C-alpha atoms as a PDB file:
ATOM      1  CA  UNK A   1      52.922  21.368 -62.278  1.00  0.00           C
ATOM      2  CA  UNK A   2      52.893  22.880 -65.826  1.00  0.00           C
ATOM      3  CA  UNK A   3      49.749  24.455 -66.921  1.00  0.00           C
ATOM      4  CA  UNK A   4      48.048  23.899 -70.144  1.00  0.00           C
ATOM      5  CA  UNK A   5      48.418  26.776 -72.809  1.00  0.00           C
ATOM      6  CA  UNK A   6      44.726  26.709 -73.438  1.00  0.00           C
ATOM      7  CA  UNK A   7      43.821  27.566 -69.692  1.00  0.00           C
ATOM      8  CA  UNK A   8      45.285  30.986 -70.047  1.00  0.00           C
ATOM      9  CA  UNK A   9      43.348  31.596 -73.382  1.00  0.00           C
ATOM     10  CA  UNK A  10      40.050  30.480 -71.940  1.00  0.00           C
ATOM     11  CA  UNK A  11      40.670  33.306 -68.669  1.00  0.00           C
ATOM     12  CA  UNK A  12      38.450  36.175 -69.714  1.00  0.00           C
ATOM     13  CA  UNK A  13      39.521  37.747 -66.317  1.00  0.00           C
ATOM     14  CA  UNK A  14      43.607  37.494 -67.531  1.00  0.00           C
ATOM     15  CA  UNK A  15      42.362  39.000 -70.989  1.00  0.00           C
ATOM     16  CA  UNK A  16      40.434  41.617 -69.562  1.00  0.00           C
ATOM     17  CA  UNK A  17      43.370  42.622 -66.732  1.00  0.00           C
ATOM     18  CA  UNK A  18      45.769  42.692 -69.995  1.00  0.00           C
ATOM     19  CA  UNK A  19      43.352  45.012 -71.804  1.00  0.00           C
ATOM     20  CA  UNK A  20      42.853  47.038 -68.784  1.00  0.00           C
ATOM     21  CA  UNK A  21      46.694  47.526 -68.406  1.00  0.00           C
ATOM     22  CA  UNK A  22      47.072  48.435 -71.855  1.00  0.00           C
ATOM     23  CA  UNK A  23      44.519  51.227 -71.294  1.00  0.00           C
ATOM     24  CA  UNK A  24      46.090  52.445 -68.007  1.00  0.00           C
ATOM     25  CA  UNK A  25      49.627  52.634 -69.829  1.00  0.00           C
ATOM     26  CA  UNK A  26      48.171  54.409 -72.750  1.00  0.00           C
ATOM     27  CA  UNK A  27      46.006  56.823 -70.721  1.00  0.00           C
ATOM     28  CA  UNK A  28      49.201  57.386 -68.462  1.00  0.00           C
ATOM     29  CA  UNK A  29      51.337  58.444 -71.115  1.00  0.00           C
ATOM     30  CA  UNK A  30      48.849  60.887 -72.914  1.00  0.00           C
ATOM     31  CA  UNK A  31      48.424  62.514 -69.431  1.00  0.00           C
ATOM     32  CA  UNK A  32      52.196  62.483 -68.394  1.00  0.00           C
ATOM     33  CA  UNK A  33      51.432  60.411 -65.306  1.00  0.00           C
ATOM     34  CA  UNK A  34      52.650  57.356 -63.910  1.00  0.00           C
ATOM     35  CA  UNK A  35      50.194  54.350 -64.538  1.00  0.00           C
ATOM     36  CA  UNK A  36      50.406  53.777 -60.929  1.00  0.00           C
ATOM     37  CA  UNK A  37      49.255  56.978 -60.117  1.00  0.00           C
ATOM     38  CA  UNK A  38      46.357  56.639 -62.433  1.00  0.00           C
ATOM     39  CA  UNK A  39      45.614  53.248 -60.971  1.00  0.00           C
ATOM     40  CA  UNK A  40      45.288  54.933 -57.662  1.00  0.00           C
ATOM     41  CA  UNK A  41      43.360  58.035 -58.662  1.00  0.00           C
ATOM     42  CA  UNK A  42      40.508  55.457 -60.365  1.00  0.00           C
ATOM     43  CA  UNK A  43      40.629  53.489 -56.994  1.00  0.00           C
ATOM     44  CA  UNK A  44      41.776  50.183 -58.706  1.00  0.00           C
ATOM     45  CA  UNK A  45      43.264  47.720 -56.170  1.00  0.00           C
ATOM     46  CA  UNK A  46      47.099  47.406 -56.877  1.00  0.00           C
ATOM     47  CA  UNK A  47      46.734  43.558 -55.986  1.00  0.00           C
ATOM     48  CA  UNK A  48      44.355  42.749 -58.756  1.00  0.00           C
ATOM     49  CA  UNK A  49      45.994  41.529 -61.889  1.00  0.00           C
ATOM     50  CA  UNK A  50      45.548  44.703 -63.625  1.00  0.00           C
ATOM     51  CA  UNK A  51      47.630  46.242 -60.763  1.00  0.00           C
ATOM     52  CA  UNK A  52      50.131  43.638 -60.534  1.00  0.00           C
ATOM     53  CA  UNK A  53      50.824  43.851 -64.272  1.00  0.00           C
ATOM     54  CA  UNK A  54      51.125  47.678 -63.925  1.00  0.00           C
ATOM     55  CA  UNK A  55      53.472  47.520 -60.933  1.00  0.00           C
ATOM     56  CA  UNK A  56      55.835  44.830 -62.829  1.00  0.00           C
ATOM     57  CA  UNK A  57      56.144  46.774 -65.742  1.00  0.00           C
ATOM     58  CA  UNK A  58      56.900  50.156 -63.766  1.00  0.00           C
ATOM     59  CA  UNK A  59      59.506  48.052 -61.727  1.00  0.00           C
ATOM     60  CA  UNK A  60      61.183  47.261 -64.900  1.00  0.00           C
ATOM     61  CA  UNK A  61      60.451  50.102 -67.367  1.00  0.00           C
ATOM     62  CA  UNK A  62      63.940  50.580 -68.222  1.00  0.00           C
ATOM     63  CA  UNK A  63      64.706  47.162 -69.478  1.00  0.00           C
ATOM     64  CA  UNK A  64      61.374  46.824 -71.194  1.00  0.00           C
ATOM     65  CA  UNK A  65      62.154  49.783 -73.186  1.00  0.00           C
ATOM     66  CA  UNK A  66      65.689  49.036 -73.859  1.00  0.00           C
ATOM     67  CA  UNK A  67      64.242  45.663 -74.887  1.00  0.00           C
ATOM     68  CA  UNK A  68      61.679  47.254 -77.541  1.00  0.00           C
ATOM     69  CA  UNK A  69      64.436  49.560 -78.970  1.00  0.00           C
ATOM     70  CA  UNK A  70      66.778  46.551 -79.410  1.00  0.00           C
ATOM     71  CA  UNK A  71      64.207  44.455 -81.376  1.00  0.00           C
ATOM     72  CA  UNK A  72      62.222  47.079 -83.229  1.00  0.00           C
ATOM     73  CA  UNK A  73      64.411  47.622 -86.021  1.00  0.00           C
ATOM     74  CA  UNK A  74      64.396  50.835 -87.577  1.00  0.00           C
ATOM     75  CA  UNK A  75      61.938  52.167 -84.860  1.00  0.00           C
ATOM     76  CA  UNK A  76      62.662  54.934 -82.403  1.00  0.00           C
ATOM     77  CA  UNK A  77      60.567  54.270 -79.239  1.00  0.00           C
ATOM     78  CA  UNK A  78      58.907  57.716 -79.257  1.00  0.00           C
ATOM     79  CA  UNK A  79      58.080  57.462 -83.173  1.00  0.00           C
ATOM     80  CA  UNK A  80      56.183  53.974 -82.734  1.00  0.00           C
ATOM     81  CA  UNK A  81      52.249  54.433 -81.914  1.00  0.00           C
ATOM     82  CA  UNK A  82      51.641  55.060 -78.364  1.00  0.00           C
ATOM     83  CA  UNK A  83      49.194  51.830 -78.237  1.00  0.00           C
ATOM     84  CA  UNK A  84      51.883  49.742 -80.065  1.00  0.00           C
ATOM     85  CA  UNK A  85      54.264  50.890 -77.110  1.00  0.00           C
ATOM     86  CA  UNK A  86      51.873  50.158 -74.279  1.00  0.00           C
ATOM     87  CA  UNK A  87      51.215  46.782 -75.785  1.00  0.00           C
ATOM     88  CA  UNK A  88      54.634  45.945 -76.270  1.00  0.00           C
ATOM     89  CA  UNK A  89      55.685  46.782 -72.453  1.00  0.00           C
ATOM     90  CA  UNK A  90      52.940  44.678 -71.346  1.00  0.00           C
ATOM     91  CA  UNK A  91      53.665  41.947 -73.332  1.00  0.00           C
ATOM     92  CA  UNK A  92      57.828  42.107 -72.733  1.00  0.00           C
ATOM     93  CA  UNK A  93      57.128  42.161 -69.062  1.00  0.00           C
ATOM     94  CA  UNK A  94      55.103  39.165 -69.338  1.00  0.00           C
ATOM     95  CA  UNK A  95      57.771  37.242 -71.486  1.00  0.00           C
ATOM     96  CA  UNK A  96      60.527  38.551 -69.145  1.00  0.00           C
ATOM     97  CA  UNK A  97      58.845  38.142 -65.561  1.00  0.00           C
ATOM     98  CA  UNK A  98      55.848  35.667 -65.768  1.00  0.00           C
ATOM     99  CA  UNK A  99      57.571  32.467 -66.933  1.00  0.00           C
ATOM    100  CA  UNK A 100      54.095  30.919 -65.785  1.00  0.00           C
ATOM    101  CA  UNK A 101      52.467  32.513 -68.893  1.00  0.00           C
ATOM    102  CA  UNK A 102      53.552  30.538 -72.214  1.00  0.00           C
ATOM    103  CA  UNK A 103      55.113  32.223 -74.902  1.00  0.00           C
ATOM    104  CA  UNK A 104      52.281  31.625 -77.419  1.00  0.00           C
ATOM    105  CA  UNK A 105      49.840  33.102 -74.994  1.00  0.00           C
ATOM    106  CA  UNK A 106      51.706  36.222 -74.590  1.00  0.00           C
ATOM    107  CA  UNK A 107      52.330  36.932 -78.220  1.00  0.00           C
ATOM    108  CA  UNK A 108      48.952  35.868 -78.957  1.00  0.00           C
ATOM    109  CA  UNK A 109      47.251  38.272 -76.686  1.00  0.00           C
ATOM    110  CA  UNK A 110      49.326  41.043 -77.681  1.00  0.00           C
ATOM    111  CA  UNK A 111      48.651  40.733 -81.295  1.00  0.00           C
ATOM    112  CA  UNK A 112      45.080  40.576 -80.594  1.00  0.00           C
ATOM    113  CA  UNK A 113      45.101  43.743 -78.735  1.00  0.00           C
ATOM    114  CA  UNK A 114      47.191  45.428 -81.497  1.00  0.00           C
ATOM    115  CA  UNK A 115      44.713  44.522 -84.198  1.00  0.00           C
ATOM    116  CA  UNK A 116      41.935  45.571 -81.982  1.00  0.00           C
ATOM    117  CA  UNK A 117      43.096  48.721 -80.906  1.00  0.00           C
ATOM    118  CA  UNK A 118      46.001  50.163 -82.971  1.00  0.00           C
ATOM    119  CA  UNK A 119      46.875  50.533 -86.892  1.00  0.00           C
ATOM    120  CA  UNK A 120      46.461  47.910 -89.349  1.00  0.00           C
ATOM    121  CA  UNK A 121      49.832  47.189 -89.546  1.00  0.00           C
ATOM    122  CA  UNK A 122      50.455  46.768 -85.643  1.00  0.00           C
ATOM    123  CA  UNK A 123      49.726  43.109 -85.433  1.00  0.00           C
ATOM    124  CA  UNK A 124      52.517  42.435 -87.622  1.00  0.00           C
ATOM    125  CA  UNK A 125      54.678  44.853 -85.936  1.00  0.00           C
ATOM    126  CA  UNK A 126      53.891  43.584 -82.422  1.00  0.00           C
ATOM    127  CA  UNK A 127      54.248  39.914 -83.507  1.00  0.00           C
ATOM    128  CA  UNK A 128      57.574  40.384 -84.955  1.00  0.00           C
ATOM    129  CA  UNK A 129      59.172  42.347 -82.248  1.00  0.00           C
ATOM    130  CA  UNK A 130      57.922  40.025 -79.506  1.00  0.00           C
ATOM    131  CA  UNK A 131      59.245  36.762 -81.522  1.00  0.00           C
ATOM    132  CA  UNK A 132      62.348  38.717 -81.573  1.00  0.00           C
ATOM    133  CA  UNK A 133      62.365  39.406 -77.896  1.00  0.00           C
ATOM    134  CA  UNK A 134      61.073  35.800 -76.803  1.00  0.00           C
ATOM    135  CA  UNK A 135      64.033  34.139 -78.466  1.00  0.00           C
ATOM    136  CA  UNK A 136      66.409  35.915 -75.572  1.00  0.00           C
ATOM    137  CA  UNK A 137      64.017  36.271 -72.964  1.00  0.00           C
ATOM    138  CA  UNK A 138      62.947  32.604 -72.868  1.00  0.00           C
ATOM    139  CA  UNK A 139      65.585  30.599 -75.247  1.00  0.00           C
ATOM    140  CA  UNK A 140      64.828  27.056 -76.268  1.00  0.00           C
ATOM    141  CA  UNK A 141      66.904  24.636 -74.163  1.00  0.00           C
END
C-alpha cells in the first residue's frame, strides 16, 4: 500500500527525528567522534527514528560521501559547510535506502533544514545536489 506523501509532511515526529539526526551528525563531526558514540553518550535509544537514521548513515557513509562528491560539482567534501554535509548525508541515505519516503519529501525536508540552519545559499545547493542524486538513486521507470 502506497503512502500519501502528505502523511510524511504532516508527521512532526519524522521532521523532528531528521532535525535531531542532522544535529548529531554536525556535533559529532565537530567533536571528532562517531555520531553513534554521541548518541550513546546522550542516552538516546538507537531504536528510535533518529537512531535508525544515524545507524543507516554510518553503515552507508562511504557510498553517501561518494554520492555527495560525485554530484556536488566543484565542491570538495571538506570545503562545503559542515551543516550542508550533515543534511546531504541524511537526505542521501533516505533517497538511497528508504524507498518508503517519497523523493519530494526527502528533498523538501532537506532544503528546509538547510535554509533554517546553514548559509543563505545552502537551500539551493542542497536542492541541486539531491535532485541529481535522486535521478540515479530512484530513476523514473
